[in-house]
Amino acid sequence: MSSQLNFETLKYFMECYFHVGTNSEELENIVITFKSAESQNSIKKLVDEINSIRASDNWSLFQKIVKKHGQRRLNSQRLKNMTEIIVRNLSNDV
């Protein structure tokens, strides 16, 4: 993955889909909504950005993005679970 990632798609996902007004238990449905509403390019970008975070094991970066753009405070285990759900539900088409 490129070190130039700015995580714009992840920020967009947090602000528009997984924001403070949504329930964490709804994440799978939220991802399915994102998948049906967004372009293949956006889906691939989100998966790539999340995989970049997972590969670098940089959970503090992800935590900052989630806090700033999703208005949520999640511990690293919940963040890892979140990435697994997102990637699992989006990867079969990318």
C-alpha atoms as a PDB file:
ATOM      1  CA  MET A   1       0.000   0.000   0.000  1.00  0.00           C
ATOM      2  CA  SER A   2       1.104   3.516  -0.684  1.00  0.00           C
ATOM      3  CA  SER A   3       2.462   5.569   2.159  1.00  0.00           C
ATOM      4  CA  GLN A   4       0.577   8.483   0.558  1.00  0.00           C
ATOM      5  CA  LEU A   5      -2.861   7.253   1.649  1.00  0.00           C
ATOM      6  CA  ASN A   6      -4.919  10.074   3.096  1.00  0.00           C
ATOM      7  CA  PHE A   7      -7.785   7.797   4.178  1.00  0.00           C
ATOM      8  CA  GLU A   8     -10.372  10.057   2.537  1.00  0.00           C
ATOM      9  CA  THR A   9     -12.724   7.152   1.794  1.00  0.00           C
ATOM     10  CA  LEU A  10     -12.488   5.896   5.372  1.00  0.00           C
ATOM     11  CA  LYS A  11     -13.190   9.409   6.663  1.00  0.00           C
ATOM     12  CA  TYR A  12     -16.150   9.655   4.279  1.00  0.00           C
ATOM     13  CA  PHE A  13     -17.472   6.273   5.474  1.00  0.00           C
ATOM     14  CA  MET A  14     -17.226   7.435   9.097  1.00  0.00           C
ATOM     15  CA  GLU A  15     -18.909  10.784   8.476  1.00  0.00           C
ATOM     16  CA  CYS A  16     -21.700   9.626   6.165  1.00  0.00           C
ATOM     17  CA  TYR A  17     -22.413   6.033   7.180  1.00  0.00           C
ATOM     18  CA  PHE A  18     -20.966   5.105  10.596  1.00  0.00           C
ATOM     19  CA  HIS A  19     -21.436   8.422  12.377  1.00  0.00           C
ATOM     20  CA  VAL A  20     -22.448   9.059  15.976  1.00  0.00           C
ATOM     21  CA  GLY A  21     -26.142   8.726  15.100  1.00  0.00           C
ATOM     22  CA  THR A  22     -25.767   5.055  14.204  1.00  0.00           C
ATOM     23  CA  ASN A  23     -25.523   2.036  16.465  1.00  0.00           C
ATOM     24  CA  SER A  24     -22.347  -0.101  16.419  1.00  0.00           C
ATOM     25  CA  GLU A  25     -24.453  -3.250  16.313  1.00  0.00           C
ATOM     26  CA  GLU A  26     -25.736  -2.082  12.930  1.00  0.00           C
ATOM     27  CA  LEU A  27     -22.267  -2.054  11.344  1.00  0.00           C
ATOM     28  CA  GLU A  28     -22.876  -5.011   9.048  1.00  0.00           C
ATOM     29  CA  ASN A  29     -26.055  -3.409   7.669  1.00  0.00           C
ATOM     30  CA  ILE A  30     -24.253  -0.076   7.342  1.00  0.00           C
ATOM     31  CA  VAL A  31     -21.509  -1.740   5.297  1.00  0.00           C
ATOM     32  CA  ILE A  32     -24.119  -3.407   3.076  1.00  0.00           C
ATOM     33  CA  THR A  33     -25.746   0.008   2.527  1.00  0.00           C
ATOM     34  CA  PHE A  34     -22.354   1.515   1.636  1.00  0.00           C
ATOM     35  CA  LYS A  35     -21.710  -1.354  -0.763  1.00  0.00           C
ATOM     36  CA  SER A  36     -25.027  -0.885  -2.569  1.00  0.00           C
ATOM     37  CA  ALA A  37     -24.789   2.922  -2.745  1.00  0.00           C
ATOM     38  CA  GLU A  38     -21.144   3.486  -3.657  1.00  0.00           C
ATOM     39  CA  SER A  39     -19.049   2.803  -6.749  1.00  0.00           C
ATOM     40  CA  GLN A  40     -16.716  -0.175  -7.059  1.00  0.00           C
ATOM     41  CA  ASN A  41     -13.855   2.323  -6.966  1.00  0.00           C
ATOM     42  CA  SER A  42     -14.981   3.701  -3.587  1.00  0.00           C
ATOM     43  CA  ILE A  43     -15.462   0.196  -2.213  1.00  0.00           C
ATOM     44  CA  LYS A  44     -11.963  -0.811  -3.321  1.00  0.00           C
ATOM     45  CA  LYS A  45     -10.469   2.371  -1.833  1.00  0.00           C
ATOM     46  CA  LEU A  46     -12.123   1.725   1.531  1.00  0.00           C
ATOM     47  CA  VAL A  47     -10.884  -1.875   1.601  1.00  0.00           C
ATOM     48  CA  ASP A  48      -7.376  -0.749   0.587  1.00  0.00           C
ATOM     49  CA  GLU A  49      -7.290   1.947   3.262  1.00  0.00           C
ATOM     50  CA  ILE A  50      -8.434  -0.445   5.974  1.00  0.00           C
ATOM     51  CA  ASN A  51      -6.006  -3.132   4.830  1.00  0.00           C
ATOM     52  CA  SER A  52      -3.226  -0.550   4.974  1.00  0.00           C
ATOM     53  CA  ILE A  53      -4.049   0.188   8.616  1.00  0.00           C
ATOM     54  CA  ARG A  54      -4.272  -3.518   9.420  1.00  0.00           C
ATOM     55  CA  ALA A  55      -0.941  -4.254   7.713  1.00  0.00           C
ATOM     56  CA  SER A  56       0.821  -1.428   9.534  1.00  0.00           C
ATOM     57  CA  ASP A  57      -0.858  -2.374  12.839  1.00  0.00           C
ATOM     58  CA  ASN A  58      -1.420   1.366  13.333  1.00  0.00           C
ATOM     59  CA  TRP A  59      -4.520   1.234  15.504  1.00  0.00           C
ATOM     60  CA  SER A  60      -3.850   4.648  17.023  1.00  0.00           C
ATOM     61  CA  LEU A  61      -4.188   6.232  13.561  1.00  0.00           C
ATOM     62  CA  PHE A  62      -7.453   4.380  12.988  1.00  0.00           C
ATOM     63  CA  GLN A  63      -8.637   5.364  16.462  1.00  0.00           C
ATOM     64  CA  LYS A  64      -7.980   9.050  15.651  1.00  0.00           C
ATOM     65  CA  ILE A  65      -9.899   8.803  12.367  1.00  0.00           C
ATOM     66  CA  VAL A  66     -12.849   7.085  14.065  1.00  0.00           C
ATOM     67  CA  LYS A  67     -12.868   9.629  16.890  1.00  0.00           C
ATOM     68  CA  LYS A  68     -12.619  12.691  14.638  1.00  0.00           C
ATOM     69  CA  HIS A  69     -14.829  11.604  11.742  1.00  0.00           C
ATOM     70  CA  GLY A  70     -17.188   9.130  13.425  1.00  0.00           C
ATOM     71  CA  GLN A  71     -17.415  10.772  16.846  1.00  0.00           C
ATOM     72  CA  ARG A  72     -16.710   7.430  18.547  1.00  0.00           C
ATOM     73  CA  ARG A  73     -14.146   6.201  21.037  1.00  0.00           C
ATOM     74  CA  LEU A  74     -13.328   2.553  20.429  1.00  0.00           C
ATOM     75  CA  ASN A  75     -10.569   0.443  21.940  1.00  0.00           C
ATOM     76  CA  SER A  76      -8.166  -1.398  19.650  1.00  0.00           C
ATOM     77  CA  GLN A  77     -10.024  -4.717  19.918  1.00  0.00           C
ATOM     78  CA  ARG A  78     -13.293  -3.113  18.825  1.00  0.00           C
ATOM     79  CA  LEU A  79     -11.421  -1.357  16.008  1.00  0.00           C
ATOM     80  CA  LYS A  80      -9.978  -4.688  14.855  1.00  0.00           C
ATOM     81  CA  ASN A  81     -13.426  -6.280  14.955  1.00  0.00           C
ATOM     82  CA  MET A  82     -14.795  -3.355  12.990  1.00  0.00           C
ATOM     83  CA  THR A  83     -12.180  -3.725  10.248  1.00  0.00           C
ATOM     84  CA  GLU A  84     -12.887  -7.452   9.996  1.00  0.00           C
ATOM     85  CA  ILE A  85     -16.602  -6.814   9.508  1.00  0.00           C
ATOM     86  CA  ILE A  86     -16.023  -4.105   6.909  1.00  0.00           C
ATOM     87  CA  VAL A  87     -13.447  -6.039   4.894  1.00  0.00           C
ATOM     88  CA  ARG A  88     -15.393  -9.307   5.068  1.00  0.00           C
ATOM     89  CA  ASN A  89     -18.539  -7.642   3.735  1.00  0.00           C
ATOM     90  CA  LEU A  90     -16.812  -5.653   0.999  1.00  0.00           C
ATOM     91  CA  SER A  91     -13.978  -7.889  -0.199  1.00  0.00           C
ATOM     92  CA  ASN A  92     -16.014 -10.443  -2.082  1.00  0.00           C
ATOM     93  CA  ASP A  93     -16.654  -7.883  -4.839  1.00  0.00           C
ATOM     94  CA  VAL A  94     -13.270  -6.148  -5.070  1.00  0.00           C
END
